[in-house]
Amino acid sequence: MCDTNSWVIILHGGPGVSGGMGPLVQALADRFRVLTPTQRTSGVEPLTVSRHVEDLDDLVRAQSDVSRPVLVGFSWGAMLALAYAAAHPENVGPIVLVSCGTFDRAARQRLNELLHDRMTDNLRRQLEQLPRNVTDPDERLASMGNLLLPLYSYELMAAPEDLRCDARAHRETWEDMVRLQDEGVYPSAFARIESPVLMLHGATDPHHGRMIRDSLAPFLRRLEYVELERCGHYPWLEKHARVEFFSVLRDWLDRKLRDAADPIIDRNG
């Protein structure tokens, strides 16, 4: 039964790739009021992390009559969840990071190494030919994602659905995130976060979960990490991991929200 006082904001990945969150919405909709905002697309001004944080804050403040939201972020959306919680720690409940992106050059280098090792010669040729074969940048980003999907996965039941790509939004937002990391803003700013944080990460995700966890652990005092075996970047679509993924997600949220309702339990836990 839906608890109208408990609500979840699901943040899609990318950046600049919206959609695909339907199974997550369905898994939580019987327990929470769920919002799945589409993040700002490219426009007159270059997109920044700060702009995305401000947009999310507008959404949270518009719902000020209810409790602090749970944030469930996927990939880039997980990074945005942390950026928002660092800027507005008083406005956020529990945070779940699903297949979180990288926060340092070492983890990004490892990502590239793993993708290189998994890539076939035929796939390399297709990627090299992509700029000539697909001239529209948004379509090219979508085509690249489809080509790389097997490298990010273990055994999918289905491909992500209803994805919409904005290549310019992807480039501008990601470049700003990397700049902020290079300047030392992230992940150090995450020390302001007071919420409990759960990382759910596939063991075969080329985004190396344990490296990302280790980069975040010095700054997130209430961080928990669960690694899912036989699971890649999209755990809710993985044949062998989806049941465990949903079980851990729901059980953890129920426990943390129950603890938060009891100040004695919350203080000791």
Foldseek 3Di string as FASTA:
>chain_A
DEDAQAEEEEEEAFVQKDALCVVVCVLCVVHYHYHYDNFDADDDDFDELVVRLVVVVVVLVVPVVHAQYEYEYAARGLVSVLVNCLVPQVRHAEYEYALYAALDPVLVVLLVVLLVVPDDPVLVVCLVCLCVVDVDQFVSVVVVCVSSVVQQWQAFPDDRPDIGGRRSNNVRHVVNSVVCSVVVNPPQSSLSHDYAYEYEAEPSGSSHVVVRCVRNCVRHVRYDYDYFYSTGRDQCGGPRRNVVVSVVVVVVVVVRVVQVVPVVSVVVD
